[in-house]
């Protein structure tokens, strides 16, 4: 099972934490005031690569879901 679902919707990407480890990662690495949309964290496209790299470098798994 993946720790996160990631979907790219153009200017906005959605990062959905699925596991306890993923929720801990979000708490430790993303700002407390991050925008949440339907349980996912909304991320500007320009920051997505850095965040995804950080998740992978920390040993967590991401499922890339095709966006609209």
PDB file of N, CA and C in Angstrom:
ATOM      1  N   UNK A   1       0.843  -1.190   0.000  1.00  0.00           N
ATOM      2  CA  UNK A   1       0.000   0.000   0.000  1.00  0.00           C
ATOM      3  C   UNK A   1       0.879   1.240   0.000  1.00  0.00           C
ATOM      4  N   UNK A   2       0.544   2.194  -0.823  1.00  0.00           N
ATOM      5  CA  UNK A   2       1.273   3.455  -0.879  1.00  0.00           C
ATOM      6  C   UNK A   2       0.973   4.293   0.348  1.00  0.00           C
ATOM      7  N   UNK A   3       1.919   5.168   0.667  1.00  0.00           N
ATOM      8  CA  UNK A   3       1.726   6.094   1.783  1.00  0.00           C
ATOM      9  C   UNK A   3       0.957   7.337   1.348  1.00  0.00           C
ATOM     10  N   UNK A   4       1.103   7.702   0.072  1.00  0.00           N
ATOM     11  CA  UNK A   4       0.459   8.899  -0.467  1.00  0.00           C
ATOM     12  C   UNK A   4      -0.147   8.592  -1.832  1.00  0.00           C
ATOM     13  N   UNK A   5      -1.206   9.313  -2.174  1.00  0.00           N
ATOM     14  CA  UNK A   5      -1.666   9.454  -3.550  1.00  0.00           C
ATOM     15  C   UNK A   5      -1.286  10.865  -3.978  1.00  0.00           C
ATOM     16  N   UNK A   6      -0.782  10.982  -5.194  1.00  0.00           N
ATOM     17  CA  UNK A   6      -0.388  12.270  -5.739  1.00  0.00           C
ATOM     18  C   UNK A   6      -1.072  12.437  -7.080  1.00  0.00           C
ATOM     19  N   UNK A   7      -1.743  13.560  -7.283  1.00  0.00           N
ATOM     20  CA  UNK A   7      -2.375  13.832  -8.575  1.00  0.00           C
ATOM     21  C   UNK A   7      -2.055  15.251  -9.021  1.00  0.00           C
ATOM     22  N   UNK A   8      -1.704  15.362 -10.282  1.00  0.00           N
ATOM     23  CA  UNK A   8      -1.311  16.634 -10.882  1.00  0.00           C
ATOM     24  C   UNK A   8      -2.486  17.172 -11.691  1.00  0.00           C
ATOM     25  N   UNK A   9      -2.933  18.375 -11.337  1.00  0.00           N
ATOM     26  CA  UNK A   9      -4.068  18.996 -12.015  1.00  0.00           C
ATOM     27  C   UNK A   9      -3.661  20.307 -12.688  1.00  0.00           C
ATOM     28  N   UNK A  10      -2.428  20.358 -13.167  1.00  0.00           N
ATOM     29  CA  UNK A  10      -1.953  21.566 -13.832  1.00  0.00           C
ATOM     30  C   UNK A  10      -1.243  22.483 -12.860  1.00  0.00           C
ATOM     31  N   UNK A  11      -1.878  23.566 -12.474  1.00  0.00           N
ATOM     32  CA  UNK A  11      -1.236  24.506 -11.562  1.00  0.00           C
ATOM     33  C   UNK A  11      -1.307  24.042 -10.110  1.00  0.00           C
ATOM     34  N   UNK A  12      -2.208  23.144  -9.824  1.00  0.00           N
ATOM     35  CA  UNK A  12      -2.369  22.613  -8.468  1.00  0.00           C
ATOM     36  C   UNK A  12      -2.167  21.106  -8.488  1.00  0.00           C
ATOM     37  N   UNK A  13      -1.457  20.610  -7.491  1.00  0.00           N
ATOM     38  CA  UNK A  13      -1.295  19.171  -7.298  1.00  0.00           C
ATOM     39  C   UNK A  13      -1.936  18.827  -5.961  1.00  0.00           C
ATOM     40  N   UNK A  14      -2.476  17.637  -5.869  1.00  0.00           N
ATOM     41  CA  UNK A  14      -3.099  17.181  -4.623  1.00  0.00           C
ATOM     42  C   UNK A  14      -2.297  16.018  -4.065  1.00  0.00           C
ATOM     43  N   UNK A  15      -1.947  16.116  -2.797  1.00  0.00           N
ATOM     44  CA  UNK A  15      -1.176  15.101  -2.099  1.00  0.00           C
ATOM     45  C   UNK A  15      -2.043  14.568  -0.964  1.00  0.00           C
ATOM     46  N   UNK A  16      -2.415  13.292  -1.069  1.00  0.00           N
ATOM     47  CA  UNK A  16      -3.299  12.681  -0.073  1.00  0.00           C
ATOM     48  C   UNK A  16      -2.513  11.703   0.792  1.00  0.00           C
ATOM     49  N   UNK A  17      -2.358  12.002   2.071  1.00  0.00           N
ATOM     50  CA  UNK A  17      -1.691  11.045   2.959  1.00  0.00           C
ATOM     51  C   UNK A  17      -2.624   9.874   3.251  1.00  0.00           C
ATOM     52  N   UNK A  18      -2.104   8.650   3.092  1.00  0.00           N
ATOM     53  CA  UNK A  18      -2.923   7.456   3.263  1.00  0.00           C
ATOM     54  C   UNK A  18      -2.552   6.647   4.502  1.00  0.00           C
ATOM     55  N   UNK A  19      -1.350   6.815   4.990  1.00  0.00           N
ATOM     56  CA  UNK A  19      -0.873   6.013   6.114  1.00  0.00           C
ATOM     57  C   UNK A  19      -0.533   6.906   7.300  1.00  0.00           C
ATOM     58  N   UNK A  20      -0.342   6.277   8.432  1.00  0.00           N
ATOM     59  CA  UNK A  20       0.073   7.021   9.629  1.00  0.00           C
ATOM     60  C   UNK A  20       1.434   7.676   9.393  1.00  0.00           C
ATOM     61  N   UNK A  21       2.347   6.958   8.740  1.00  0.00           N
ATOM     62  CA  UNK A  21       3.670   7.510   8.431  1.00  0.00           C
ATOM     63  C   UNK A  21       3.551   8.733   7.524  1.00  0.00           C
ATOM     64  N   UNK A  22       2.625   8.693   6.579  1.00  0.00           N
ATOM     65  CA  UNK A  22       2.412   9.828   5.683  1.00  0.00           C
ATOM     66  C   UNK A  22       1.881  11.034   6.448  1.00  0.00           C
ATOM     67  N   UNK A  23       0.949  10.807   7.341  1.00  0.00           N
ATOM     68  CA  UNK A  23       0.405  11.924   8.136  1.00  0.00           C
ATOM     69  C   UNK A  23       1.494  12.531   9.028  1.00  0.00           C
ATOM     70  N   UNK A  24       2.369  11.691   9.576  1.00  0.00           N
ATOM     71  CA  UNK A  24       3.500  12.210  10.368  1.00  0.00           C
ATOM     72  C   UNK A  24       4.436  13.031   9.488  1.00  0.00           C
ATOM     73  N   UNK A  25       4.689  12.528   8.272  1.00  0.00           N
ATOM     74  CA  UNK A  25       5.577  13.248   7.352  1.00  0.00           C
ATOM     75  C   UNK A  25       4.997  14.623   7.040  1.00  0.00           C
ATOM     76  N   UNK A  26       3.715  14.684   6.741  1.00  0.00           N
ATOM     77  CA  UNK A  26       3.059  15.959   6.445  1.00  0.00           C
ATOM     78  C   UNK A  26       3.187  16.902   7.639  1.00  0.00           C
ATOM     79  N   UNK A  27       2.940  16.406   8.828  1.00  0.00           N
ATOM     80  CA  UNK A  27       3.026  17.232  10.042  1.00  0.00           C
ATOM     81  C   UNK A  27       4.432  17.794  10.237  1.00  0.00           C
ATOM     82  N   UNK A  28       5.442  16.999   9.924  1.00  0.00           N
ATOM     83  CA  UNK A  28       6.840  17.416  10.135  1.00  0.00           C
ATOM     84  C   UNK A  28       7.377  18.314   9.028  1.00  0.00           C
ATOM     85  N   UNK A  29       6.878  18.175   7.802  1.00  0.00           N
ATOM     86  CA  UNK A  29       7.527  18.820   6.666  1.00  0.00           C
ATOM     87  C   UNK A  29       6.710  19.886   5.952  1.00  0.00           C
ATOM     88  N   UNK A  30       5.425  19.925   6.145  1.00  0.00           N
ATOM     89  CA  UNK A  30       4.605  20.926   5.463  1.00  0.00           C
ATOM     90  C   UNK A  30       4.062  21.922   6.482  1.00  0.00           C
ATOM     91  N   UNK A  31       3.818  23.154   6.057  1.00  0.00           N
ATOM     92  CA  UNK A  31       3.334  24.170   6.987  1.00  0.00           C
ATOM     93  C   UNK A  31       1.964  23.821   7.575  1.00  0.00           C
ATOM     94  N   UNK A  32       1.753  24.244   8.805  1.00  0.00           N
ATOM     95  CA  UNK A  32       0.469  23.995   9.479  1.00  0.00           C
ATOM     96  C   UNK A  32      -0.700  24.645   8.756  1.00  0.00           C
ATOM     97  N   UNK A  33      -0.433  25.717   8.026  1.00  0.00           N
ATOM     98  CA  UNK A  33      -1.513  26.420   7.339  1.00  0.00           C
ATOM     99  C   UNK A  33      -1.643  25.997   5.871  1.00  0.00           C
ATOM    100  N   UNK A  34      -1.106  24.825   5.522  1.00  0.00           N
ATOM    101  CA  UNK A  34      -1.229  24.320   4.149  1.00  0.00           C
ATOM    102  C   UNK A  34      -2.709  24.190   3.783  1.00  0.00           C
ATOM    103  N   UNK A  35      -3.014  24.491   2.536  1.00  0.00           N
ATOM    104  CA  UNK A  35      -4.395  24.410   2.060  1.00  0.00           C
ATOM    105  C   UNK A  35      -4.820  22.951   1.920  1.00  0.00           C
ATOM    106  N   UNK A  36      -5.975  22.627   2.454  1.00  0.00           N
ATOM    107  CA  UNK A  36      -6.506  21.270   2.372  1.00  0.00           C
ATOM    108  C   UNK A  36      -7.758  21.297   1.497  1.00  0.00           C
ATOM    109  N   UNK A  37      -7.847  20.306   0.616  1.00  0.00           N
ATOM    110  CA  UNK A  37      -8.981  20.206  -0.297  1.00  0.00           C
ATOM    111  C   UNK A  37      -9.449  18.756  -0.299  1.00  0.00           C
ATOM    112  N   UNK A  38     -10.580  18.490   0.287  1.00  0.00           N
ATOM    113  CA  UNK A  38     -11.124  17.138   0.320  1.00  0.00           C
ATOM    114  C   UNK A  38     -10.215  16.123   0.991  1.00  0.00           C
ATOM    115  N   UNK A  39      -9.499  16.520   2.001  1.00  0.00           N
ATOM    116  CA  UNK A  39      -8.595  15.621   2.709  1.00  0.00           C
ATOM    117  C   UNK A  39      -7.200  15.556   2.121  1.00  0.00           C
ATOM    118  N   UNK A  40      -6.988  16.204   0.975  1.00  0.00           N
ATOM    119  CA  UNK A  40      -5.670  16.241   0.335  1.00  0.00           C
ATOM    120  C   UNK A  40      -5.050  17.618   0.556  1.00  0.00           C
ATOM    121  N   UNK A  41      -3.735  17.656   0.534  1.00  0.00           N
ATOM    122  CA  UNK A  41      -3.031  18.926   0.629  1.00  0.00           C
ATOM    123  C   UNK A  41      -2.868  19.472  -0.779  1.00  0.00           C
ATOM    124  N   UNK A  42      -3.302  20.701  -0.992  1.00  0.00           N
ATOM    125  CA  UNK A  42      -3.162  21.368  -2.283  1.00  0.00           C
ATOM    126  C   UNK A  42      -1.780  22.009  -2.342  1.00  0.00           C
ATOM    127  N   UNK A  43      -1.028  21.663  -3.395  1.00  0.00           N
ATOM    128  CA  UNK A  43       0.348  22.126  -3.530  1.00  0.00           C
ATOM    129  C   UNK A  43       0.494  22.833  -4.870  1.00  0.00           C
ATOM    130  N   UNK A  44       1.152  23.986  -4.842  1.00  0.00           N
ATOM    131  CA  UNK A  44       1.468  24.675  -6.089  1.00  0.00           C
ATOM    132  C   UNK A  44       2.394  23.783  -6.922  1.00  0.00           C
ATOM    133  N   UNK A  45       2.149  23.762  -8.211  1.00  0.00           N
ATOM    134  CA  UNK A  45       2.930  22.918  -9.114  1.00  0.00           C
ATOM    135  C   UNK A  45       4.430  23.163  -8.971  1.00  0.00           C
ATOM    136  N   UNK A  46       4.821  24.403  -8.696  1.00  0.00           N
ATOM    137  CA  UNK A  46       6.256  24.723  -8.620  1.00  0.00           C
ATOM    138  C   UNK A  46       6.954  24.096  -7.429  1.00  0.00           C
ATOM    139  N   UNK A  47       6.214  23.652  -6.404  1.00  0.00           N
ATOM    140  CA  UNK A  47       6.823  23.012  -5.236  1.00  0.00           C
ATOM    141  C   UNK A  47       6.679  21.493  -5.240  1.00  0.00           C
ATOM    142  N   UNK A  48       5.917  20.968  -6.171  1.00  0.00           N
ATOM    143  CA  UNK A  48       5.579  19.541  -6.160  1.00  0.00           C
ATOM    144  C   UNK A  48       6.802  18.635  -6.270  1.00  0.00           C
ATOM    145  N   UNK A  49       7.718  18.922  -7.187  1.00  0.00           N
ATOM    146  CA  UNK A  49       8.888  18.055  -7.362  1.00  0.00           C
ATOM    147  C   UNK A  49       9.722  17.958  -6.091  1.00  0.00           C
ATOM    148  N   UNK A  50       9.929  19.082  -5.442  1.00  0.00           N
ATOM    149  CA  UNK A  50      10.725  19.093  -4.213  1.00  0.00           C
ATOM    150  C   UNK A  50      10.040  18.289  -3.099  1.00  0.00           C
ATOM    151  N   UNK A  51       8.742  18.427  -2.974  1.00  0.00           N
ATOM    152  CA  UNK A  51       7.998  17.707  -1.941  1.00  0.00           C
ATOM    153  C   UNK A  51       7.995  16.207  -2.239  1.00  0.00           C
ATOM    154  N   UNK A  52       7.733  15.837  -3.481  1.00  0.00           N
ATOM    155  CA  UNK A  52       7.732  14.421  -3.852  1.00  0.00           C
ATOM    156  C   UNK A  52       9.119  13.816  -3.630  1.00  0.00           C
ATOM    157  N   UNK A  53      10.163  14.523  -4.010  1.00  0.00           N
ATOM    158  CA  UNK A  53      11.527  14.029  -3.780  1.00  0.00           C
ATOM    159  C   UNK A  53      11.797  13.822  -2.299  1.00  0.00           C
ATOM    160  N   UNK A  54      11.348  14.746  -1.469  1.00  0.00           N
ATOM    161  CA  UNK A  54      11.522  14.612  -0.027  1.00  0.00           C
ATOM    162  C   UNK A  54      10.820  13.384   0.523  1.00  0.00           C
ATOM    163  N   UNK A  55       9.625  13.135   0.048  1.00  0.00           N
ATOM    164  CA  UNK A  55       8.858  11.965   0.493  1.00  0.00           C
ATOM    165  C   UNK A  55       9.595  10.683   0.111  1.00  0.00           C
ATOM    166  N   UNK A  56      10.031  10.605  -1.139  1.00  0.00           N
ATOM    167  CA  UNK A  56      10.732   9.408  -1.614  1.00  0.00           C
ATOM    168  C   UNK A  56      12.056   9.229  -0.882  1.00  0.00           C
ATOM    169  N   UNK A  57      12.802  10.321  -0.704  1.00  0.00           N
ATOM    170  CA  UNK A  57      14.086  10.247   0.005  1.00  0.00           C
ATOM    171  C   UNK A  57      13.921   9.784   1.446  1.00  0.00           C
ATOM    172  N   UNK A  58      12.754  10.021   2.020  1.00  0.00           N
ATOM    173  CA  UNK A  58      12.483   9.578   3.388  1.00  0.00           C
ATOM    174  C   UNK A  58      11.921   8.158   3.432  1.00  0.00           C
ATOM    175  N   UNK A  59      11.894   7.479   2.290  1.00  0.00           N
ATOM    176  CA  UNK A  59      11.516   6.072   2.240  1.00  0.00           C
ATOM    177  C   UNK A  59      10.031   5.779   2.166  1.00  0.00           C
ATOM    178  N   UNK A  60       9.222   6.795   1.878  1.00  0.00           N
ATOM    179  CA  UNK A  60       7.783   6.578   1.753  1.00  0.00           C
ATOM    180  C   UNK A  60       7.421   6.361   0.283  1.00  0.00           C
ATOM    181  N   UNK A  61       6.286   5.748   0.045  1.00  0.00           N
ATOM    182  CA  UNK A  61       5.851   5.431  -1.316  1.00  0.00           C
ATOM    183  C   UNK A  61       4.705   6.345  -1.755  1.00  0.00           C
ATOM    184  N   UNK A  62       4.775   6.727  -3.030  1.00  0.00           N
ATOM    185  CA  UNK A  62       3.740   7.586  -3.612  1.00  0.00           C
ATOM    186  C   UNK A  62       3.115   6.880  -4.801  1.00  0.00           C
ATOM    187  N   UNK A  63       1.804   6.871  -4.830  1.00  0.00           N
ATOM    188  CA  UNK A  63       1.048   6.378  -5.971  1.00  0.00           C
ATOM    189  C   UNK A  63       0.670   7.594  -6.809  1.00  0.00           C
ATOM    190  N   UNK A  64       1.140   7.623  -8.059  1.00  0.00           N
ATOM    191  CA  UNK A  64       0.833   8.743  -8.949  1.00  0.00           C
ATOM    192  C   UNK A  64      -0.516   8.489  -9.609  1.00  0.00           C
ATOM    193  N   UNK A  65      -1.499   9.297  -9.250  1.00  0.00           N
ATOM    194  CA  UNK A  65      -2.850   9.182  -9.807  1.00  0.00           C
ATOM    195  C   UNK A  65      -2.964  10.221 -10.916  1.00  0.00           C
ATOM    196  N   UNK A  66      -3.442   9.817 -12.062  1.00  0.00           N
ATOM    197  CA  UNK A  66      -3.584  10.762 -13.168  1.00  0.00           C
ATOM    198  C   UNK A  66      -4.648  11.793 -12.841  1.00  0.00           C
ATOM    199  N   UNK A  67      -4.274  13.060 -13.031  1.00  0.00           N
ATOM    200  CA  UNK A  67      -5.215  14.153 -12.793  1.00  0.00           C
ATOM    201  C   UNK A  67      -6.125  14.363 -13.973  1.00  0.00           C
ATOM    202  N   UNK A  68      -6.982  15.358 -13.853  1.00  0.00           N
ATOM    203  CA  UNK A  68      -7.944  15.680 -14.920  1.00  0.00           C
ATOM    204  C   UNK A  68      -7.286  16.431 -16.046  1.00  0.00           C
TER     205      UNK A  68
END
